[in-house]
């Protein structure tokens, strides 16, 4: 298994963190869509209430699988991380990023 690590830039660590969140549901059912909107609202509020964080957005995908092809917002979030726009990502579960199956 290959693991990639994106190290934090040392010059941004002392101040406020630019924080984003990633939310994903696995199907288009009404209950799942409600769950997605609830996750977005929760993370938006959580990030904006923290005085030590700057809101960097919530990235959200409705996907049928965990493949990257169906996760446009996930790919956008990774690009923003690589461009130094995000310092920290919040998510419900590590399985939102990837599964080892």
N, C-alpha and C. Protein backbone atom coordinates (compact mmCIF):
# COMPACT_ATOMS: atom_id res chain seq x y z
N UNK A 1 0.85 -1.17 0.00
CA UNK A 1 0.00 0.00 0.00
C UNK A 1 0.89 1.24 0.00
N UNK A 2 0.59 2.19 -0.87
CA UNK A 2 1.31 3.45 -0.93
C UNK A 2 0.56 4.51 -0.14
N UNK A 3 1.29 5.27 0.65
CA UNK A 3 0.70 6.35 1.43
C UNK A 3 1.37 7.64 1.02
N UNK A 4 0.57 8.64 0.70
CA UNK A 4 1.10 9.95 0.35
C UNK A 4 0.89 10.90 1.51
N UNK A 5 1.87 11.70 1.81
CA UNK A 5 1.78 12.66 2.89
C UNK A 5 2.04 14.05 2.33
N UNK A 6 1.13 14.96 2.60
CA UNK A 6 1.31 16.35 2.18
C UNK A 6 1.71 17.15 3.41
N UNK A 7 2.99 17.46 3.57
CA UNK A 7 3.43 18.16 4.77
C UNK A 7 2.89 19.59 4.83
N UNK A 8 2.62 20.04 6.05
CA UNK A 8 2.16 21.41 6.25
C UNK A 8 3.31 22.36 5.99
N UNK A 9 2.99 23.53 5.50
CA UNK A 9 4.01 24.55 5.31
C UNK A 9 4.27 25.22 6.65
N UNK A 10 5.51 25.24 7.06
CA UNK A 10 5.86 25.75 8.38
C UNK A 10 5.50 27.22 8.58
N UNK A 11 5.53 28.03 7.54
CA UNK A 11 5.27 29.45 7.69
C UNK A 11 3.82 29.78 8.00
N UNK A 12 2.90 28.83 7.87
CA UNK A 12 1.50 29.12 8.16
C UNK A 12 1.03 28.50 9.47
N UNK A 13 1.85 27.71 10.12
CA UNK A 13 1.42 27.01 11.32
C UNK A 13 1.11 27.91 12.52
N UNK A 14 1.89 28.96 12.80
CA UNK A 14 1.63 29.72 14.03
C UNK A 14 0.30 30.48 14.09
N UNK A 15 -0.23 30.94 13.00
CA UNK A 15 -1.45 31.75 13.01
C UNK A 15 -2.72 30.93 12.87
N UNK A 16 -3.75 31.61 12.41
CA UNK A 16 -5.03 30.95 12.17
C UNK A 16 -4.88 29.87 11.11
N UNK A 17 -5.63 28.81 11.28
CA UNK A 17 -5.63 27.72 10.31
C UNK A 17 -6.76 27.92 9.31
N UNK A 18 -6.48 27.67 8.05
CA UNK A 18 -7.52 27.68 7.02
C UNK A 18 -8.12 26.28 7.01
N UNK A 19 -9.37 26.19 7.44
CA UNK A 19 -9.99 24.89 7.67
C UNK A 19 -11.13 24.66 6.68
N UNK A 20 -11.14 23.48 6.10
CA UNK A 20 -12.21 23.04 5.20
C UNK A 20 -12.76 21.73 5.73
N UNK A 21 -13.86 21.30 5.15
CA UNK A 21 -14.44 20.01 5.51
C UNK A 21 -14.81 19.26 4.24
N UNK A 22 -14.84 17.94 4.36
CA UNK A 22 -15.26 17.11 3.24
C UNK A 22 -16.41 16.22 3.70
N UNK A 23 -17.49 16.26 2.93
CA UNK A 23 -18.68 15.44 3.21
C UNK A 23 -19.01 14.63 1.96
N UNK A 24 -19.48 13.41 2.19
CA UNK A 24 -19.86 12.56 1.06
C UNK A 24 -20.93 11.58 1.48
N UNK A 25 -21.88 11.36 0.61
CA UNK A 25 -22.86 10.29 0.80
C UNK A 25 -22.76 9.36 -0.39
N UNK A 26 -23.17 8.13 -0.20
CA UNK A 26 -22.94 7.10 -1.21
C UNK A 26 -24.07 6.87 -2.19
N UNK A 27 -25.20 7.49 -1.99
CA UNK A 27 -26.29 7.26 -2.94
C UNK A 27 -27.16 8.50 -3.05
N UNK A 28 -28.05 8.49 -4.04
CA UNK A 28 -28.92 9.63 -4.28
C UNK A 28 -30.25 9.55 -3.57
N UNK A 29 -30.41 8.66 -2.61
CA UNK A 29 -31.67 8.55 -1.89
C UNK A 29 -31.95 9.82 -1.10
N UNK A 30 -33.22 10.13 -0.87
CA UNK A 30 -33.60 11.34 -0.14
C UNK A 30 -32.94 11.41 1.23
N UNK A 31 -32.89 10.30 1.95
CA UNK A 31 -32.28 10.29 3.28
C UNK A 31 -30.80 10.64 3.20
N UNK A 32 -30.13 10.13 2.18
CA UNK A 32 -28.71 10.43 2.01
C UNK A 32 -28.49 11.90 1.66
N UNK A 33 -29.35 12.44 0.81
CA UNK A 33 -29.21 13.85 0.45
C UNK A 33 -29.45 14.74 1.66
N UNK A 34 -30.38 14.35 2.52
CA UNK A 34 -30.61 15.10 3.77
C UNK A 34 -29.36 15.01 4.64
N UNK A 35 -28.76 13.83 4.71
CA UNK A 35 -27.54 13.64 5.48
C UNK A 35 -26.42 14.53 4.95
N UNK A 36 -26.32 14.64 3.64
CA UNK A 36 -25.29 15.49 3.04
C UNK A 36 -25.51 16.95 3.40
N UNK A 37 -26.73 17.43 3.28
CA UNK A 37 -27.00 18.83 3.63
C UNK A 37 -26.79 19.06 5.12
N UNK A 38 -27.09 18.07 5.95
CA UNK A 38 -26.86 18.20 7.39
C UNK A 38 -25.36 18.27 7.69
N UNK A 39 -24.56 17.46 6.99
CA UNK A 39 -23.11 17.50 7.19
C UNK A 39 -22.54 18.86 6.78
N UNK A 40 -23.01 19.37 5.65
CA UNK A 40 -22.53 20.66 5.17
C UNK A 40 -22.86 21.76 6.17
N UNK A 41 -24.08 21.78 6.66
CA UNK A 41 -24.49 22.79 7.64
C UNK A 41 -23.68 22.66 8.93
N UNK A 42 -23.49 21.44 9.40
CA UNK A 42 -22.74 21.21 10.64
C UNK A 42 -21.31 21.72 10.51
N UNK A 43 -20.61 21.32 9.46
CA UNK A 43 -19.21 21.72 9.30
C UNK A 43 -19.07 23.21 9.04
N UNK A 44 -19.96 23.79 8.26
CA UNK A 44 -19.91 25.24 8.03
C UNK A 44 -20.00 25.99 9.34
N UNK A 45 -20.95 25.61 10.17
CA UNK A 45 -21.14 26.25 11.46
C UNK A 45 -19.95 26.01 12.39
N UNK A 46 -19.50 24.78 12.46
CA UNK A 46 -18.38 24.43 13.35
C UNK A 46 -17.13 25.24 13.02
N UNK A 47 -16.80 25.31 11.75
CA UNK A 47 -15.60 26.03 11.33
C UNK A 47 -15.74 27.52 11.59
N UNK A 48 -16.88 28.10 11.25
CA UNK A 48 -17.06 29.54 11.39
C UNK A 48 -17.17 30.00 12.84
N UNK A 49 -17.54 29.09 13.74
CA UNK A 49 -17.63 29.45 15.17
C UNK A 49 -16.28 29.45 15.86
N UNK A 50 -15.29 28.81 15.29
CA UNK A 50 -13.98 28.70 15.92
C UNK A 50 -13.13 29.93 15.57
N UNK A 51 -12.76 30.70 16.57
CA UNK A 51 -12.00 31.93 16.35
C UNK A 51 -10.58 31.69 15.85
N UNK A 52 -10.09 30.47 15.99
CA UNK A 52 -8.74 30.16 15.55
C UNK A 52 -8.69 29.61 14.13
N UNK A 53 -9.85 29.52 13.50
CA UNK A 53 -9.94 28.98 12.14
C UNK A 53 -10.50 30.01 11.17
N UNK A 54 -9.98 29.99 9.96
CA UNK A 54 -10.56 30.73 8.84
C UNK A 54 -11.30 29.73 7.97
N UNK A 55 -12.52 30.05 7.60
CA UNK A 55 -13.37 29.16 6.81
C UNK A 55 -12.82 29.04 5.39
N UNK A 56 -12.45 27.82 5.01
CA UNK A 56 -11.92 27.56 3.67
C UNK A 56 -12.91 26.79 2.81
N UNK A 57 -14.11 26.55 3.32
CA UNK A 57 -15.15 25.91 2.53
C UNK A 57 -15.49 24.50 2.96
N UNK A 58 -16.60 24.03 2.40
CA UNK A 58 -17.01 22.64 2.59
C UNK A 58 -17.12 22.03 1.20
N UNK A 59 -16.43 20.95 0.99
CA UNK A 59 -16.45 20.22 -0.27
C UNK A 59 -17.36 19.02 -0.06
N UNK A 60 -18.30 18.81 -0.97
CA UNK A 60 -19.28 17.74 -0.76
C UNK A 60 -19.58 17.02 -2.07
N UNK A 61 -19.59 15.70 -1.98
CA UNK A 61 -19.90 14.88 -3.14
C UNK A 61 -21.04 13.92 -2.84
N UNK A 62 -21.88 13.75 -3.82
CA UNK A 62 -22.89 12.69 -3.80
C UNK A 62 -22.38 11.66 -4.80
N UNK A 63 -22.00 10.49 -4.31
CA UNK A 63 -21.34 9.51 -5.17
C UNK A 63 -21.96 8.14 -5.03
N UNK A 64 -21.89 7.38 -6.11
CA UNK A 64 -22.36 6.00 -6.05
C UNK A 64 -21.24 5.07 -5.60
N UNK A 65 -19.99 5.51 -5.77
CA UNK A 65 -18.84 4.73 -5.30
C UNK A 65 -17.81 5.69 -4.75
N UNK A 66 -16.78 5.15 -4.17
CA UNK A 66 -15.70 5.98 -3.65
C UNK A 66 -14.60 6.25 -4.65
N UNK A 67 -14.85 5.99 -5.91
CA UNK A 67 -13.82 6.22 -6.91
C UNK A 67 -13.64 7.71 -7.16
N UNK A 68 -12.43 8.09 -7.51
CA UNK A 68 -12.16 9.51 -7.70
C UNK A 68 -12.91 10.10 -8.89
N UNK A 69 -13.25 9.27 -9.87
CA UNK A 69 -13.95 9.78 -11.04
C UNK A 69 -15.30 10.39 -10.68
N UNK A 70 -15.92 9.88 -9.64
CA UNK A 70 -17.24 10.38 -9.26
C UNK A 70 -17.18 11.39 -8.13
N UNK A 71 -15.97 11.84 -7.79
CA UNK A 71 -15.83 12.76 -6.65
C UNK A 71 -15.15 14.06 -7.09
N UNK A 72 -15.87 14.85 -7.83
CA UNK A 72 -15.34 16.10 -8.37
C UNK A 72 -14.88 17.06 -7.27
N UNK A 73 -15.70 17.22 -6.23
CA UNK A 73 -15.35 18.13 -5.13
C UNK A 73 -14.13 17.64 -4.35
N UNK A 74 -14.00 16.33 -4.20
CA UNK A 74 -12.82 15.77 -3.53
C UNK A 74 -11.56 16.14 -4.29
N UNK A 75 -11.59 16.00 -5.61
CA UNK A 75 -10.44 16.36 -6.43
C UNK A 75 -10.14 17.85 -6.34
N UNK A 76 -11.18 18.67 -6.30
CA UNK A 76 -11.00 20.13 -6.15
C UNK A 76 -10.35 20.44 -4.80
N UNK A 77 -10.79 19.73 -3.75
CA UNK A 77 -10.22 19.94 -2.41
C UNK A 77 -8.73 19.58 -2.40
N UNK A 78 -8.37 18.46 -3.02
CA UNK A 78 -6.96 18.06 -3.08
C UNK A 78 -6.13 19.11 -3.81
N UNK A 79 -6.66 19.64 -4.89
CA UNK A 79 -5.97 20.68 -5.65
C UNK A 79 -5.76 21.92 -4.77
N UNK A 80 -6.80 22.31 -4.03
CA UNK A 80 -6.68 23.47 -3.15
C UNK A 80 -5.66 23.23 -2.04
N UNK A 81 -5.58 22.00 -1.54
CA UNK A 81 -4.56 21.66 -0.54
C UNK A 81 -3.16 21.83 -1.12
N UNK A 82 -2.96 21.30 -2.30
CA UNK A 82 -1.65 21.38 -2.95
C UNK A 82 -1.26 22.81 -3.26
N UNK A 83 -2.26 23.68 -3.47
CA UNK A 83 -1.99 25.10 -3.74
C UNK A 83 -1.84 25.90 -2.45
N UNK A 84 -1.91 25.24 -1.30
CA UNK A 84 -1.71 25.92 -0.02
C UNK A 84 -2.91 26.70 0.47
N UNK A 85 -4.11 26.41 -0.02
CA UNK A 85 -5.31 27.14 0.38
C UNK A 85 -5.96 26.55 1.63
N UNK A 86 -5.57 25.34 2.01
CA UNK A 86 -6.19 24.64 3.14
C UNK A 86 -5.09 24.10 4.05
N UNK A 87 -5.26 24.30 5.36
CA UNK A 87 -4.31 23.78 6.34
C UNK A 87 -4.82 22.53 7.05
N UNK A 88 -6.14 22.42 7.17
CA UNK A 88 -6.74 21.34 7.95
C UNK A 88 -8.07 20.95 7.32
N UNK A 89 -8.33 19.64 7.25
CA UNK A 89 -9.60 19.14 6.71
C UNK A 89 -10.33 18.36 7.78
N UNK A 90 -11.60 18.68 7.98
CA UNK A 90 -12.45 17.92 8.89
C UNK A 90 -13.33 16.99 8.06
N UNK A 91 -13.60 15.80 8.57
CA UNK A 91 -14.50 14.87 7.90
C UNK A 91 -15.12 13.93 8.92
N UNK A 92 -16.25 13.39 8.58
CA UNK A 92 -16.99 12.51 9.49
C UNK A 92 -16.21 11.23 9.78
N UNK A 93 -15.57 10.70 8.77
CA UNK A 93 -14.86 9.43 8.91
C UNK A 93 -13.77 9.36 7.86
N UNK A 94 -12.69 8.69 8.18
CA UNK A 94 -11.61 8.52 7.21
C UNK A 94 -12.11 7.78 5.97
N UNK A 95 -13.19 7.02 6.11
CA UNK A 95 -13.75 6.31 4.96
C UNK A 95 -14.33 7.29 3.93
N UNK A 96 -14.54 8.55 4.31
CA UNK A 96 -15.00 9.55 3.35
C UNK A 96 -13.90 9.82 2.32
N UNK A 97 -12.64 9.63 2.71
CA UNK A 97 -11.53 9.84 1.79
C UNK A 97 -11.30 8.62 0.91
N UNK A 98 -11.13 7.48 1.52
CA UNK A 98 -10.84 6.26 0.75
C UNK A 98 -11.04 5.04 1.62
N UNK A 99 -11.26 3.95 0.95
CA UNK A 99 -11.36 2.66 1.64
C UNK A 99 -10.27 1.75 1.08
N UNK A 100 -9.84 0.81 1.90
CA UNK A 100 -8.79 -0.10 1.44
C UNK A 100 -9.38 -1.43 0.97
N UNK A 101 -10.55 -1.37 0.36
CA UNK A 101 -11.18 -2.59 -0.17
C UNK A 101 -11.11 -2.62 -1.67
